[in-house]
Structure formats: C-alpha cells, structure tokens
Amino acid sequence: MNPGAFQKSRKDFLLAQKVAYAQGVAGGFMRDCVADIQRRYFKRYPIDYPHEQEPTPEMTLGVNDDAPDPEHPVPDSTIMAEDEYKLAEEAFQKRRKAVAYRKEVCT
C-alpha cells in the first residue's frame, strides 16, 4: 500500500484544514479556500523540501502566514551567459512543474 506524500506533519496540517474547507464549500468560496490552504502549506513545506524529511519545529513555528510569498524570478537570457541561462531555465521549469503537480494532487 502506498501511503502517499501526505504523512506526519503534512497530513496533520491538511487534516486541521477540514473545518475551513467545509466552511469554504458551504459559503461558496471553495476555490479561494483551497488556494489559501495551498499557500500556507507551501510556506511550511517549500516545494524544494524533500517529502521524506520533516521540518524542524523551529521551521514551522517561524512561519508567518501574513508575510508575502517570495518571488521566483523568471530567468532572463539577456543578462545571463547561455549555459547559466539554460541551467536556470531548467531549474525554473522543474520547480514550476512540481508546484503544478502538488497543487493538482490537492484539488
């Protein structure tokens, strides 16, 4: 049996969102509610953080849900060397696909 990616504190976090989700569904703002849950999830479990690794208590206690999310700039080929741009673009696309996949799993 595959336990999936949502284990330990990840699972606990998502289970704690059930009431907010139910309120979102009942109130007609489910999409906004899911987007907010996902935003807060990624603050605690960044996309580059391994699934099999639990964050330390200090990491999760330091999360500020009201802080703006960090920007991840699109690589710019006009200011980078060709090989540097290629690596940056590959990393950017890999991250983008990982975010899309994890969001899809949650909806």
N, C-alpha and C. Protein backbone atom coordinates (compact mmCIF):
# COMPACT_ATOMS: atom_id res chain seq x y z
N MET A 1 0.84 -1.18 0.00
CA MET A 1 0.00 0.00 0.00
C MET A 1 0.88 1.25 0.00
N ASN A 2 0.56 2.22 -0.84
CA ASN A 2 1.31 3.47 -0.93
C ASN A 2 0.68 4.49 0.02
N PRO A 3 1.43 4.92 1.03
CA PRO A 3 0.86 5.87 1.99
C PRO A 3 0.74 7.29 1.44
N GLY A 4 1.36 7.56 0.30
CA GLY A 4 1.29 8.89 -0.30
C GLY A 4 2.27 9.86 0.33
N ALA A 5 2.27 11.07 -0.19
CA ALA A 5 3.22 12.08 0.25
C ALA A 5 2.78 12.79 1.53
N PHE A 6 1.50 12.71 1.83
CA PHE A 6 1.00 13.45 2.98
C PHE A 6 1.02 12.57 4.22
N GLN A 7 2.15 12.62 4.91
CA GLN A 7 2.34 11.85 6.13
C GLN A 7 2.79 12.79 7.24
N LYS A 8 2.75 12.31 8.44
CA LYS A 8 3.22 13.01 9.63
C LYS A 8 2.67 14.43 9.68
N SER A 9 3.54 15.43 9.80
CA SER A 9 3.05 16.80 9.99
C SER A 9 2.32 17.33 8.77
N ARG A 10 2.66 16.85 7.57
CA ARG A 10 1.94 17.28 6.37
C ARG A 10 0.48 16.83 6.46
N LYS A 11 0.29 15.59 6.83
CA LYS A 11 -1.06 15.05 6.98
C LYS A 11 -1.80 15.78 8.10
N ASP A 12 -1.10 16.00 9.22
CA ASP A 12 -1.72 16.72 10.34
C ASP A 12 -2.17 18.12 9.92
N PHE A 13 -1.31 18.82 9.15
CA PHE A 13 -1.65 20.16 8.69
C PHE A 13 -2.92 20.12 7.84
N LEU A 14 -2.95 19.20 6.88
CA LEU A 14 -4.11 19.13 5.98
C LEU A 14 -5.38 18.71 6.70
N LEU A 15 -5.27 17.78 7.63
CA LEU A 15 -6.45 17.38 8.39
C LEU A 15 -6.99 18.53 9.24
N ALA A 16 -6.10 19.39 9.71
CA ALA A 16 -6.51 20.53 10.51
C ALA A 16 -7.26 21.57 9.66
N GLN A 17 -7.19 21.45 8.35
CA GLN A 17 -7.86 22.40 7.45
C GLN A 17 -9.27 21.97 7.06
N LYS A 18 -9.71 20.83 7.56
CA LYS A 18 -11.02 20.30 7.16
C LYS A 18 -12.17 21.25 7.50
N VAL A 19 -12.13 21.87 8.65
CA VAL A 19 -13.21 22.78 9.04
C VAL A 19 -13.24 23.99 8.12
N ALA A 20 -12.06 24.58 7.87
CA ALA A 20 -12.00 25.74 6.97
C ALA A 20 -12.48 25.36 5.57
N TYR A 21 -12.09 24.19 5.12
CA TYR A 21 -12.52 23.72 3.79
C TYR A 21 -14.04 23.55 3.74
N ALA A 22 -14.59 22.92 4.76
CA ALA A 22 -16.04 22.72 4.81
C ALA A 22 -16.77 24.06 4.82
N GLN A 23 -16.23 25.04 5.53
CA GLN A 23 -16.83 26.38 5.54
C GLN A 23 -16.74 27.03 4.16
N GLY A 24 -15.62 26.80 3.48
CA GLY A 24 -15.45 27.33 2.13
C GLY A 24 -16.45 26.74 1.16
N VAL A 25 -16.67 25.44 1.27
CA VAL A 25 -17.64 24.77 0.41
C VAL A 25 -19.05 25.30 0.71
N ALA A 26 -19.38 25.35 1.99
CA ALA A 26 -20.71 25.81 2.38
C ALA A 26 -20.94 27.27 2.00
N GLY A 27 -19.90 28.08 2.08
CA GLY A 27 -20.03 29.50 1.78
C GLY A 27 -19.87 29.86 0.32
N GLY A 28 -19.53 28.87 -0.50
CA GLY A 28 -19.40 29.14 -1.93
C GLY A 28 -18.06 29.72 -2.34
N PHE A 29 -17.06 29.62 -1.47
CA PHE A 29 -15.74 30.13 -1.82
C PHE A 29 -14.67 29.05 -1.66
N MET A 30 -15.02 27.84 -2.13
CA MET A 30 -14.12 26.70 -2.00
C MET A 30 -12.79 26.94 -2.71
N ARG A 31 -12.80 27.48 -3.93
CA ARG A 31 -11.55 27.68 -4.67
C ARG A 31 -10.61 28.62 -3.91
N ASP A 32 -11.14 29.69 -3.36
CA ASP A 32 -10.31 30.62 -2.59
C ASP A 32 -9.76 29.94 -1.35
N CYS A 33 -10.59 29.12 -0.72
CA CYS A 33 -10.17 28.40 0.48
C CYS A 33 -9.04 27.43 0.15
N VAL A 34 -9.18 26.67 -0.93
CA VAL A 34 -8.13 25.72 -1.33
C VAL A 34 -6.84 26.47 -1.66
N ALA A 35 -6.95 27.58 -2.37
CA ALA A 35 -5.76 28.37 -2.71
C ALA A 35 -5.05 28.85 -1.44
N ASP A 36 -5.81 29.28 -0.45
CA ASP A 36 -5.21 29.74 0.80
C ASP A 36 -4.56 28.58 1.56
N ILE A 37 -5.20 27.43 1.58
CA ILE A 37 -4.62 26.25 2.24
C ILE A 37 -3.32 25.87 1.54
N GLN A 38 -3.33 25.86 0.22
CA GLN A 38 -2.12 25.52 -0.53
C GLN A 38 -1.00 26.53 -0.25
N ARG A 39 -1.33 27.82 -0.23
CA ARG A 39 -0.33 28.86 0.04
C ARG A 39 0.31 28.65 1.41
N ARG A 40 -0.51 28.38 2.40
CA ARG A 40 0.01 28.16 3.75
C ARG A 40 0.79 26.85 3.84
N TYR A 41 0.35 25.83 3.10
CA TYR A 41 1.06 24.55 3.06
C TYR A 41 2.47 24.75 2.52
N PHE A 42 2.58 25.48 1.39
CA PHE A 42 3.89 25.69 0.78
C PHE A 42 4.80 26.57 1.64
N LYS A 43 4.24 27.38 2.52
CA LYS A 43 5.08 28.14 3.45
C LYS A 43 5.73 27.20 4.47
N ARG A 44 5.02 26.15 4.84
CA ARG A 44 5.55 25.20 5.81
C ARG A 44 6.39 24.10 5.16
N TYR A 45 6.03 23.75 3.95
CA TYR A 45 6.70 22.67 3.23
C TYR A 45 7.07 23.17 1.84
N PRO A 46 8.15 23.95 1.74
CA PRO A 46 8.54 24.52 0.45
C PRO A 46 8.69 23.44 -0.62
N ILE A 47 8.45 23.82 -1.84
CA ILE A 47 8.46 22.89 -2.96
C ILE A 47 9.79 22.16 -3.09
N ASP A 48 10.87 22.79 -2.70
CA ASP A 48 12.20 22.18 -2.81
C ASP A 48 12.54 21.30 -1.60
N TYR A 49 11.67 21.25 -0.62
CA TYR A 49 11.91 20.47 0.59
C TYR A 49 11.51 19.02 0.33
N PRO A 50 12.37 18.06 0.64
CA PRO A 50 12.06 16.66 0.35
C PRO A 50 10.82 16.15 1.10
N HIS A 51 10.01 15.33 0.42
CA HIS A 51 8.80 14.76 1.02
C HIS A 51 9.12 13.91 2.25
N GLU A 52 10.22 13.20 2.20
CA GLU A 52 10.54 12.26 3.27
C GLU A 52 11.18 12.92 4.49
N GLN A 53 11.39 14.22 4.42
CA GLN A 53 12.03 14.93 5.52
C GLN A 53 11.02 15.83 6.23
N GLU A 54 10.97 15.69 7.54
CA GLU A 54 10.09 16.52 8.35
C GLU A 54 10.79 17.84 8.68
N PRO A 55 10.08 18.95 8.60
CA PRO A 55 10.69 20.21 9.02
C PRO A 55 10.88 20.22 10.53
N THR A 56 11.85 20.98 10.97
CA THR A 56 12.08 21.10 12.40
C THR A 56 10.96 21.94 13.02
N PRO A 57 10.73 21.79 14.31
CA PRO A 57 9.72 22.64 14.96
C PRO A 57 10.02 24.12 14.81
N GLU A 58 11.30 24.47 14.80
CA GLU A 58 11.68 25.88 14.63
C GLU A 58 11.24 26.40 13.26
N MET A 59 11.35 25.54 12.24
CA MET A 59 10.95 25.95 10.90
C MET A 59 9.45 26.23 10.83
N THR A 60 8.65 25.36 11.41
CA THR A 60 7.21 25.54 11.32
C THR A 60 6.71 26.65 12.26
N LEU A 61 7.36 26.81 13.40
CA LEU A 61 6.97 27.89 14.31
C LEU A 61 7.30 29.26 13.73
N GLY A 62 8.32 29.31 12.88
CA GLY A 62 8.74 30.58 12.29
C GLY A 62 7.92 31.00 11.08
N VAL A 63 6.92 30.22 10.71
CA VAL A 63 6.11 30.54 9.53
C VAL A 63 5.18 31.71 9.85
N ASN A 64 5.19 32.69 8.97
CA ASN A 64 4.29 33.83 9.10
C ASN A 64 3.34 33.80 7.90
N ASP A 65 2.11 33.38 8.13
CA ASP A 65 1.15 33.27 7.03
C ASP A 65 0.81 34.62 6.41
N ASP A 66 1.04 35.70 7.15
CA ASP A 66 0.72 37.03 6.64
C ASP A 66 1.85 37.64 5.82
N ALA A 67 3.03 37.05 5.88
CA ALA A 67 4.18 37.58 5.13
C ALA A 67 3.97 37.31 3.64
N PRO A 68 4.44 38.23 2.80
CA PRO A 68 4.30 37.99 1.36
C PRO A 68 5.12 36.77 0.94
N ASP A 69 4.63 36.08 -0.07
CA ASP A 69 5.34 34.92 -0.59
C ASP A 69 6.56 35.39 -1.38
N PRO A 70 7.67 34.66 -1.31
CA PRO A 70 8.87 35.07 -2.05
C PRO A 70 8.64 34.98 -3.56
N GLU A 71 9.23 35.90 -4.27
CA GLU A 71 9.16 35.89 -5.73
C GLU A 71 10.23 34.96 -6.28
N HIS A 72 9.90 34.26 -7.33
CA HIS A 72 10.86 33.40 -8.02
C HIS A 72 10.96 33.93 -9.44
N PRO A 73 11.96 34.78 -9.69
CA PRO A 73 12.03 35.44 -11.00
C PRO A 73 12.28 34.47 -12.14
N VAL A 74 11.72 34.81 -13.28
CA VAL A 74 11.92 34.04 -14.50
C VAL A 74 13.33 34.32 -15.00
N PRO A 75 14.08 33.28 -15.36
CA PRO A 75 15.44 33.51 -15.88
C PRO A 75 15.41 34.42 -17.10
N ASP A 76 16.40 35.30 -17.19
CA ASP A 76 16.47 36.28 -18.27
C ASP A 76 17.70 36.01 -19.12
N SER A 77 17.48 35.56 -20.34
CA SER A 77 18.60 35.22 -21.23
C SER A 77 19.42 36.42 -21.66
N THR A 78 18.87 37.63 -21.48
CA THR A 78 19.62 38.83 -21.91
C THR A 78 20.67 39.25 -20.89
N ILE A 79 20.60 38.73 -19.67
CA ILE A 79 21.58 39.12 -18.66
C ILE A 79 22.40 37.94 -18.14
N MET A 80 22.20 36.77 -18.77
CA MET A 80 22.91 35.56 -18.32
C MET A 80 23.69 34.97 -19.49
N ALA A 81 24.78 34.30 -19.13
CA ALA A 81 25.51 33.52 -20.13
C ALA A 81 24.61 32.38 -20.58
N GLU A 82 24.83 31.87 -21.78
CA GLU A 82 23.96 30.84 -22.35
C GLU A 82 23.86 29.60 -21.47
N ASP A 83 25.00 29.10 -20.98
CA ASP A 83 24.98 27.90 -20.13
C ASP A 83 24.32 28.18 -18.78
N GLU A 84 24.56 29.36 -18.24
CA GLU A 84 23.93 29.76 -16.98
C GLU A 84 22.42 29.87 -17.15
N TYR A 85 21.99 30.46 -18.26
CA TYR A 85 20.57 30.61 -18.54
C TYR A 85 19.91 29.24 -18.70
N LYS A 86 20.56 28.35 -19.40
CA LYS A 86 19.99 27.02 -19.63
C LYS A 86 19.75 26.29 -18.30
N LEU A 87 20.73 26.34 -17.41
CA LEU A 87 20.57 25.71 -16.10
C LEU A 87 19.47 26.37 -15.27
N ALA A 88 19.43 27.70 -15.31
CA ALA A 88 18.42 28.44 -14.55
C ALA A 88 17.03 28.15 -15.09
N GLU A 89 16.90 28.07 -16.41
CA GLU A 89 15.60 27.79 -17.02
C GLU A 89 15.14 26.37 -16.70
N GLU A 90 16.05 25.41 -16.73
CA GLU A 90 15.69 24.03 -16.37
C GLU A 90 15.22 23.95 -14.93
N ALA A 91 15.92 24.62 -14.02
CA ALA A 91 15.52 24.62 -12.61
C ALA A 91 14.18 25.31 -12.43
N PHE A 92 13.96 26.41 -13.15
CA PHE A 92 12.70 27.15 -13.06
C PHE A 92 11.54 26.27 -13.54
N GLN A 93 11.71 25.60 -14.67
CA GLN A 93 10.65 24.74 -15.20
C GLN A 93 10.38 23.54 -14.30
N LYS A 94 11.44 22.98 -13.75
CA LYS A 94 11.28 21.84 -12.82
C LYS A 94 10.47 22.26 -11.60
N ARG A 95 10.78 23.43 -11.04
CA ARG A 95 10.05 23.94 -9.89
C ARG A 95 8.59 24.21 -10.26
N ARG A 96 8.38 24.83 -11.41
CA ARG A 96 7.03 25.15 -11.87
C ARG A 96 6.18 23.89 -12.02
N LYS A 97 6.76 22.84 -12.59
CA LYS A 97 6.04 21.58 -12.76
C LYS A 97 5.74 20.94 -11.40
N ALA A 98 6.69 21.03 -10.47
CA ALA A 98 6.47 20.45 -9.14
C ALA A 98 5.33 21.17 -8.42
N VAL A 99 5.29 22.49 -8.53
CA VAL A 99 4.21 23.27 -7.91
C VAL A 99 2.87 22.87 -8.53
N ALA A 100 2.82 22.81 -9.85
CA ALA A 100 1.57 22.44 -10.54
C ALA A 100 1.12 21.05 -10.13
N TYR A 101 2.05 20.12 -10.06
CA TYR A 101 1.70 18.74 -9.68
C TYR A 101 1.15 18.68 -8.26
N ARG A 102 1.84 19.34 -7.33
CA ARG A 102 1.39 19.28 -5.94
C ARG A 102 0.04 19.98 -5.75
N LYS A 103 -0.17 21.05 -6.49
CA LYS A 103 -1.47 21.72 -6.40
C LYS A 103 -2.56 20.83 -6.97
N GLU A 104 -2.26 20.14 -8.07
CA GLU A 104 -3.24 19.24 -8.68
C GLU A 104 -3.61 18.10 -7.75
N VAL A 105 -2.64 17.59 -7.03
CA VAL A 105 -2.88 16.49 -6.08
C VAL A 105 -3.82 16.95 -4.97
N CYS A 106 -3.75 18.22 -4.63
CA CYS A 106 -4.54 18.76 -3.52
C CYS A 106 -5.94 19.19 -3.90
N THR A 107 -6.27 19.19 -5.18
CA THR A 107 -7.59 19.71 -5.57
C THR A 107 -8.48 18.61 -6.09
